[in-house]
Each structure stands twice: as structure tokens, then as C-alpha cells.
Amino acid sequence: MTNDLYDQMQKRRMSLHAMHVNYEATKIYLKNPHQVQGEIQVDRSFYQWTIAAQQVCTTYLYKEERKSSCVKYK
């Protein structure tokens, strides 16, 4: 049970980090509209972000499975 709880918390934590990376990527893009992709490291994990088709998406690995978090903007 302890491992399940830890896994759930880790999954949520990484999801929150991905949302934060979406925010940081948007700030970067607003300062430099030619930069539409990048990578940010948070707590020893790497989050790759891209901006296209009026949305910012961040992908990351959780237990060797690729996850993503996308947000549309106008």
C-alpha cells in the first residue's frame, strides 16, 4: 500500500511539474516567438515542450511511459 501511495503522489507531482513547464514555456514563447520548443529539468526529470497550433504541450516519462500535458491558448 505504501508503494501505491508513493506512486500516486509521484504521478501527480510530475503532472503538476508538466503544467508548470507549460506556463514557463508560454513565458519563453512570449519573449521570443521564434522559440517553439525546449526542455526544462525539474527534480531530476526532463520535460520537453512544444508550441504549435495554438497550444503548448509538455511531454515527460513516468515509469518508462510517455505522458503529456497540453493547454490551448488564443
PDB file of N, CA and C in Angstrom:
ATOM      1  N   MET A   1       0.817  -1.198   0.000  1.00  0.00           N
ATOM      2  CA  MET A   1       0.000   0.000   0.000  1.00  0.00           C
ATOM      3  C   MET A   1       0.861   1.263   0.000  1.00  0.00           C
ATOM      4  N   THR A   2       1.960   1.238   0.708  1.00  0.00           N
ATOM      5  CA  THR A   2       2.841   2.398   0.762  1.00  0.00           C
ATOM      6  C   THR A   2       3.398   2.720  -0.613  1.00  0.00           C
ATOM      7  N   ASN A   3       3.799   1.690  -1.362  1.00  0.00           N
ATOM      8  CA  ASN A   3       4.315   1.917  -2.710  1.00  0.00           C
ATOM      9  C   ASN A   3       3.243   2.496  -3.621  1.00  0.00           C
ATOM     10  N   ASP A   4       2.006   2.034  -3.492  1.00  0.00           N
ATOM     11  CA  ASP A   4       0.910   2.573  -4.309  1.00  0.00           C
ATOM     12  C   ASP A   4       0.689   4.048  -4.014  1.00  0.00           C
ATOM     13  N   LEU A   5       0.712   4.409  -2.747  1.00  0.00           N
ATOM     14  CA  LEU A   5       0.528   5.802  -2.360  1.00  0.00           C
ATOM     15  C   LEU A   5       1.668   6.657  -2.893  1.00  0.00           C
ATOM     16  N   TYR A   6       2.898   6.158  -2.763  1.00  0.00           N
ATOM     17  CA  TYR A   6       4.056   6.875  -3.289  1.00  0.00           C
ATOM     18  C   TYR A   6       3.931   7.053  -4.797  1.00  0.00           C
ATOM     19  N   ASP A   7       3.550   6.007  -5.505  1.00  0.00           N
ATOM     20  CA  ASP A   7       3.398   6.086  -6.959  1.00  0.00           C
ATOM     21  C   ASP A   7       2.333   7.104  -7.356  1.00  0.00           C
ATOM     22  N   GLN A   8       1.227   7.119  -6.644  1.00  0.00           N
ATOM     23  CA  GLN A   8       0.169   8.086  -6.946  1.00  0.00           C
ATOM     24  C   GLN A   8       0.652   9.511  -6.721  1.00  0.00           C
ATOM     25  N   MET A   9       1.361   9.724  -5.641  1.00  0.00           N
ATOM     26  CA  MET A   9       1.876  11.066  -5.352  1.00  0.00           C
ATOM     27  C   MET A   9       2.926  11.479  -6.377  1.00  0.00           C
ATOM     28  N   GLN A  10       3.781  10.550  -6.765  1.00  0.00           N
ATOM     29  CA  GLN A  10       4.802  10.857  -7.772  1.00  0.00           C
ATOM     30  C   GLN A  10       4.154  11.203  -9.111  1.00  0.00           C
ATOM     31  N   LYS A  11       3.144  10.464  -9.492  1.00  0.00           N
ATOM     32  CA  LYS A  11       2.439  10.716 -10.748  1.00  0.00           C
ATOM     33  C   LYS A  11       1.796  12.106 -10.732  1.00  0.00           C
ATOM     34  N   ARG A  12       1.146  12.450  -9.639  1.00  0.00           N
ATOM     35  CA  ARG A  12       0.521  13.781  -9.509  1.00  0.00           C
ATOM     36  C   ARG A  12       1.568  14.883  -9.506  1.00  0.00           C
ATOM     37  N   ARG A  13       2.665  14.624  -8.810  1.00  0.00           N
ATOM     38  CA  ARG A  13       3.739  15.620  -8.744  1.00  0.00           C
ATOM     39  C   ARG A  13       4.309  15.902 -10.129  1.00  0.00           C
ATOM     40  N   MET A  14       4.539  14.856 -10.887  1.00  0.00           N
ATOM     41  CA  MET A  14       5.078  15.051 -12.233  1.00  0.00           C
ATOM     42  C   MET A  14       4.067  15.737 -13.135  1.00  0.00           C
ATOM     43  N   SER A  15       2.800  15.446 -12.962  1.00  0.00           N
ATOM     44  CA  SER A  15       1.757  16.118 -13.732  1.00  0.00           C
ATOM     45  C   SER A  15       1.734  17.611 -13.405  1.00  0.00           C
ATOM     46  N   LEU A  16       1.865  17.952 -12.128  1.00  0.00           N
ATOM     47  CA  LEU A  16       1.930  19.363 -11.732  1.00  0.00           C
ATOM     48  C   LEU A  16       3.172  20.043 -12.310  1.00  0.00           C
ATOM     49  N   HIS A  17       4.291  19.335 -12.311  1.00  0.00           N
ATOM     50  CA  HIS A  17       5.507  19.890 -12.910  1.00  0.00           C
ATOM     51  C   HIS A  17       5.288  20.157 -14.399  1.00  0.00           C
ATOM     52  N   ALA A  18       4.602  19.255 -15.081  1.00  0.00           N
ATOM     53  CA  ALA A  18       4.333  19.442 -16.511  1.00  0.00           C
ATOM     54  C   ALA A  18       3.477  20.685 -16.736  1.00  0.00           C
ATOM     55  N   MET A  19       2.490  20.915 -15.882  1.00  0.00           N
ATOM     56  CA  MET A  19       1.669  22.124 -16.004  1.00  0.00           C
ATOM     57  C   MET A  19       2.505  23.374 -15.768  1.00  0.00           C
ATOM     58  N   HIS A  20       3.425  23.297 -14.816  1.00  0.00           N
ATOM     59  CA  HIS A  20       4.312  24.430 -14.563  1.00  0.00           C
ATOM     60  C   HIS A  20       5.231  24.677 -15.762  1.00  0.00           C
ATOM     61  N   VAL A  21       5.715  23.614 -16.369  1.00  0.00           N
ATOM     62  CA  VAL A  21       6.556  23.753 -17.564  1.00  0.00           C
ATOM     63  C   VAL A  21       5.744  24.382 -18.702  1.00  0.00           C
ATOM     64  N   ASN A  22       4.469  24.026 -18.839  1.00  0.00           N
ATOM     65  CA  ASN A  22       3.617  24.682 -19.842  1.00  0.00           C
ATOM     66  C   ASN A  22       3.605  26.190 -19.616  1.00  0.00           C
ATOM     67  N   TYR A  23       3.468  26.590 -18.373  1.00  0.00           N
ATOM     68  CA  TYR A  23       3.461  28.011 -18.020  1.00  0.00           C
ATOM     69  C   TYR A  23       4.799  28.666 -18.360  1.00  0.00           C
ATOM     70  N   GLU A  24       5.900  28.042 -17.958  1.00  0.00           N
ATOM     71  CA  GLU A  24       7.230  28.592 -18.245  1.00  0.00           C
ATOM     72  C   GLU A  24       7.491  28.645 -19.743  1.00  0.00           C
ATOM     73  N   ALA A  25       7.043  27.630 -20.475  1.00  0.00           N
ATOM     74  CA  ALA A  25       7.224  27.607 -21.932  1.00  0.00           C
ATOM     75  C   ALA A  25       6.460  28.754 -22.582  1.00  0.00           C
ATOM     76  N   THR A  26       5.279  29.042 -22.078  1.00  0.00           N
ATOM     77  CA  THR A  26       4.496  30.159 -22.613  1.00  0.00           C
ATOM     78  C   THR A  26       5.214  31.471 -22.363  1.00  0.00           C
ATOM     79  N   LYS A  27       5.788  31.641 -21.197  1.00  0.00           N
ATOM     80  CA  LYS A  27       6.552  32.860 -20.908  1.00  0.00           C
ATOM     81  C   LYS A  27       7.736  32.998 -21.859  1.00  0.00           C
ATOM     82  N   ILE A  28       8.445  31.885 -22.092  1.00  0.00           N
ATOM     83  CA  ILE A  28       9.581  31.905 -23.012  1.00  0.00           C
ATOM     84  C   ILE A  28       9.116  32.288 -24.411  1.00  0.00           C
ATOM     85  N   TYR A  29       8.024  31.680 -24.849  1.00  0.00           N
ATOM     86  CA  TYR A  29       7.498  31.944 -26.193  1.00  0.00           C
ATOM     87  C   TYR A  29       7.066  33.400 -26.350  1.00  0.00           C
ATOM     88  N   LEU A  30       6.458  33.972 -25.327  1.00  0.00           N
ATOM     89  CA  LEU A  30       6.019  35.369 -25.419  1.00  0.00           C
ATOM     90  C   LEU A  30       7.198  36.328 -25.519  1.00  0.00           C
ATOM     91  N   LYS A  31       8.324  35.974 -24.920  1.00  0.00           N
ATOM     92  CA  LYS A  31       9.527  36.795 -25.021  1.00  0.00           C
ATOM     93  C   LYS A  31      10.241  36.590 -26.349  1.00  0.00           C
ATOM     94  N   ASN A  32      10.151  35.375 -26.890  1.00  0.00           N
ATOM     95  CA  ASN A  32      10.841  35.028 -28.129  1.00  0.00           C
ATOM     96  C   ASN A  32       9.949  34.106 -28.960  1.00  0.00           C
ATOM     97  N   PRO A  33       9.068  34.664 -29.805  1.00  0.00           N
ATOM     98  CA  PRO A  33       8.111  33.848 -30.563  1.00  0.00           C
ATOM     99  C   PRO A  33       8.741  32.843 -31.531  1.00  0.00           C
ATOM    100  N   HIS A  34      10.044  32.968 -31.783  1.00  0.00           N
ATOM    101  CA  HIS A  34      10.703  32.008 -32.675  1.00  0.00           C
ATOM    102  C   HIS A  34      11.115  30.740 -31.947  1.00  0.00           C
ATOM    103  N   GLN A  35      11.126  30.777 -30.630  1.00  0.00           N
ATOM    104  CA  GLN A  35      11.465  29.575 -29.861  1.00  0.00           C
ATOM    105  C   GLN A  35      10.173  28.827 -29.555  1.00  0.00           C
ATOM    106  N   VAL A  36       9.972  27.715 -30.254  1.00  0.00           N
ATOM    107  CA  VAL A  36       8.720  26.963 -30.137  1.00  0.00           C
ATOM    108  C   VAL A  36       8.910  25.575 -29.519  1.00  0.00           C
ATOM    109  N   GLN A  37      10.098  25.314 -29.014  1.00  0.00           N
ATOM    110  CA  GLN A  37      10.332  24.049 -28.327  1.00  0.00           C
ATOM    111  C   GLN A  37      11.520  24.196 -27.397  1.00  0.00           C
ATOM    112  N   GLY A  38      11.560  23.302 -26.419  1.00  0.00           N
ATOM    113  CA  GLY A  38      12.666  23.343 -25.481  1.00  0.00           C
ATOM    114  C   GLY A  38      12.536  22.224 -24.463  1.00  0.00           C
ATOM    115  N   GLU A  39      13.419  22.273 -23.496  1.00  0.00           N
ATOM    116  CA  GLU A  39      13.435  21.253 -22.459  1.00  0.00           C
ATOM    117  C   GLU A  39      13.764  21.920 -21.130  1.00  0.00           C
ATOM    118  N   ILE A  40      13.044  21.531 -20.090  1.00  0.00           N
ATOM    119  CA  ILE A  40      13.266  22.057 -18.748  1.00  0.00           C
ATOM    120  C   ILE A  40      13.402  20.868 -17.799  1.00  0.00           C
ATOM    121  N   GLN A  41      14.393  20.937 -16.927  1.00  0.00           N
ATOM    122  CA  GLN A  41      14.583  19.886 -15.941  1.00  0.00           C
ATOM    123  C   GLN A  41      13.985  20.324 -14.612  1.00  0.00           C
ATOM    124  N   VAL A  42      13.183  19.444 -14.024  1.00  0.00           N
ATOM    125  CA  VAL A  42      12.589  19.675 -12.707  1.00  0.00           C
ATOM    126  C   VAL A  42      12.799  18.405 -11.883  1.00  0.00           C
ATOM    127  N   ASP A  43      13.435  18.544 -10.739  1.00  0.00           N
ATOM    128  CA  ASP A  43      13.655  17.398  -9.840  1.00  0.00           C
ATOM    129  C   ASP A  43      14.201  16.159 -10.558  1.00  0.00           C
ATOM    130  N   ARG A  44      15.268  16.327 -11.284  1.00  0.00           N
ATOM    131  CA  ARG A  44      15.952  15.223 -11.974  1.00  0.00           C
ATOM    132  C   ARG A  44      15.145  14.562 -13.087  1.00  0.00           C
ATOM    133  N   SER A  45      14.035  15.174 -13.499  1.00  0.00           N
ATOM    134  CA  SER A  45      13.260  14.672 -14.639  1.00  0.00           C
ATOM    135  C   SER A  45      13.264  15.741 -15.722  1.00  0.00           C
ATOM    136  N   PHE A  46      13.240  15.300 -16.970  1.00  0.00           N
ATOM    137  CA  PHE A  46      13.258  16.229 -18.098  1.00  0.00           C
ATOM    138  C   PHE A  46      11.869  16.321 -18.715  1.00  0.00           C
ATOM    139  N   TYR A  47      11.457  17.537 -18.994  1.00  0.00           N
ATOM    140  CA  TYR A  47      10.151  17.834 -19.591  1.00  0.00           C
ATOM    141  C   TYR A  47      10.405  18.574 -20.898  1.00  0.00           C
ATOM    142  N   GLN A  48       9.960  17.995 -22.012  1.00  0.00           N
ATOM    143  CA  GLN A  48      10.123  18.620 -23.321  1.00  0.00           C
ATOM    144  C   GLN A  48       8.811  19.331 -23.677  1.00  0.00           C
ATOM    145  N   TRP A  49       8.941  20.566 -24.138  1.00  0.00           N
ATOM    146  CA  TRP A  49       7.748  21.318 -24.508  1.00  0.00           C
ATOM    147  C   TRP A  49       7.813  21.770 -25.955  1.00  0.00           C
ATOM    148  N   THR A  50       6.641  21.881 -26.546  1.00  0.00           N
ATOM    149  CA  THR A  50       6.494  22.401 -27.901  1.00  0.00           C
ATOM    150  C   THR A  50       5.259  23.290 -27.949  1.00  0.00           C
ATOM    151  N   ILE A  51       5.329  24.262 -28.828  1.00  0.00           N
ATOM    152  CA  ILE A  51       4.188  25.151 -29.057  1.00  0.00           C
ATOM    153  C   ILE A  51       3.838  25.073 -30.534  1.00  0.00           C
ATOM    154  N   ALA A  52       2.584  24.713 -30.811  1.00  0.00           N
ATOM    155  CA  ALA A  52       2.088  24.604 -32.186  1.00  0.00           C
ATOM    156  C   ALA A  52       0.569  24.602 -32.154  1.00  0.00           C
ATOM    157  N   ALA A  53      -0.025  25.076 -33.233  1.00  0.00           N
ATOM    158  CA  ALA A  53      -1.482  25.036 -33.403  1.00  0.00           C
ATOM    159  C   ALA A  53      -2.216  25.613 -32.186  1.00  0.00           C
ATOM    160  N   GLN A  54      -1.737  26.740 -31.705  1.00  0.00           N
ATOM    161  CA  GLN A  54      -2.338  27.450 -30.570  1.00  0.00           C
ATOM    162  C   GLN A  54      -2.450  26.598 -29.309  1.00  0.00           C
ATOM    163  N   GLN A  55      -1.444  25.787 -29.071  1.00  0.00           N
ATOM    164  CA  GLN A  55      -1.396  25.059 -27.808  1.00  0.00           C
ATOM    165  C   GLN A  55       0.051  24.798 -27.414  1.00  0.00           C
ATOM    166  N   VAL A  56       0.254  24.664 -26.132  1.00  0.00           N
ATOM    167  CA  VAL A  56       1.561  24.298 -25.599  1.00  0.00           C
ATOM    168  C   VAL A  56       1.412  22.905 -24.997  1.00  0.00           C
ATOM    169  N   CYS A  57       2.336  22.013 -25.365  1.00  0.00           N
ATOM    170  CA  CYS A  57       2.309  20.636 -24.874  1.00  0.00           C
ATOM    171  C   CYS A  57       3.656  20.303 -24.245  1.00  0.00           C
ATOM    172  N   THR A  58       3.582  19.648 -23.117  1.00  0.00           N
ATOM    173  CA  THR A  58       4.771  19.179 -22.424  1.00  0.00           C
ATOM    174  C   THR A  58       4.694  17.661 -22.313  1.00  0.00           C
ATOM    175  N   THR A  59       5.778  16.995 -22.693  1.00  0.00           N
ATOM    176  CA  THR A  59       5.839  15.545 -22.574  1.00  0.00           C
ATOM    177  C   THR A  59       6.944  15.173 -21.581  1.00  0.00           C
ATOM    178  N   TYR A  60       6.746  14.036 -20.944  1.00  0.00           N
ATOM    179  CA  TYR A  60       7.714  13.557 -19.962  1.00  0.00           C
ATOM    180  C   TYR A  60       7.529  12.055 -19.800  1.00  0.00           C
ATOM    181  N   LEU A  61       8.506  11.426 -19.176  1.00  0.00           N
ATOM    182  CA  LEU A  61       8.436   9.980 -18.933  1.00  0.00           C
ATOM    183  C   LEU A  61       8.079   9.716 -17.474  1.00  0.00           C
ATOM    184  N   TYR A  62       7.102   8.847 -17.302  1.00  0.00           N
ATOM    185  CA  TYR A  62       6.743   8.373 -15.968  1.00  0.00           C
ATOM    186  C   TYR A  62       6.734   6.852 -16.025  1.00  0.00           C
ATOM    187  N   LYS A  63       7.662   6.237 -15.307  1.00  0.00           N
ATOM    188  CA  LYS A  63       7.806   4.778 -15.320  1.00  0.00           C
ATOM    189  C   LYS A  63       7.917   4.228 -16.742  1.00  0.00           C
ATOM    190  N   GLU A  64       8.770   4.869 -17.532  1.00  0.00           N
ATOM    191  CA  GLU A  64       9.049   4.478 -18.913  1.00  0.00           C
ATOM    192  C   GLU A  64       7.841   4.615 -19.833  1.00  0.00           C
ATOM    193  N   GLU A  65       6.822   5.321 -19.404  1.00  0.00           N
ATOM    194  CA  GLU A  65       5.642   5.592 -20.229  1.00  0.00           C
ATOM    195  C   GLU A  65       5.601   7.082 -20.527  1.00  0.00           C
ATOM    196  N   ARG A  66       5.416   7.427 -21.806  1.00  0.00           N
ATOM    197  CA  ARG A  66       5.367   8.830 -22.200  1.00  0.00           C
ATOM    198  C   ARG A  66       4.009   9.422 -21.838  1.00  0.00           C
ATOM    199  N   LYS A  67       4.059  10.519 -21.098  1.00  0.00           N
ATOM    200  CA  LYS A  67       2.855  11.252 -20.694  1.00  0.00           C
ATOM    201  C   LYS A  67       2.920  12.642 -21.308  1.00  0.00           C
ATOM    202  N   SER A  68       1.769  13.289 -21.435  1.00  0.00           N
ATOM    203  CA  SER A  68       1.770  14.651 -21.955  1.00  0.00           C
ATOM    204  C   SER A  68       0.712  15.493 -21.266  1.00  0.00           C
ATOM    205  N   SER A  69       0.958  16.783 -21.274  1.00  0.00           N
ATOM    206  CA  SER A  69       0.043  17.761 -20.727  1.00  0.00           C
ATOM    207  C   SER A  69      -0.035  18.897 -21.745  1.00  0.00           C
ATOM    208  N   CYS A  70      -1.235  19.166 -22.270  1.00  0.00           N
ATOM    209  CA  CYS A  70      -1.417  20.198 -23.291  1.00  0.00           C
ATOM    210  C   CYS A  70      -2.447  21.227 -22.835  1.00  0.00           C
ATOM    211  N   VAL A  71      -2.192  22.478 -23.219  1.00  0.00           N
ATOM    212  CA  VAL A  71      -3.104  23.570 -22.898  1.00  0.00           C
ATOM    213  C   VAL A  71      -3.266  24.418 -24.152  1.00  0.00           C
ATOM    214  N   LYS A  72      -4.515  24.694 -24.525  1.00  0.00           N
ATOM    215  CA  LYS A  72      -4.793  25.569 -25.661  1.00  0.00           C
ATOM    216  C   LYS A  72      -4.783  27.015 -25.205  1.00  0.00           C
ATOM    217  N   TYR A  73      -4.396  27.903 -26.103  1.00  0.00           N
ATOM    218  CA  TYR A  73      -4.418  29.330 -25.817  1.00  0.00           C
ATOM    219  C   TYR A  73      -4.884  30.060 -27.062  1.00  0.00           C
ATOM    220  N   LYS A  74      -5.205  31.310 -26.872  1.00  0.00           N
ATOM    221  CA  LYS A  74      -5.616  32.154 -28.011  1.00  0.00           C
ATOM    222  C   LYS A  74      -4.690  33.306 -28.176  1.00  0.00           C
TER     223      LYS A  74
END
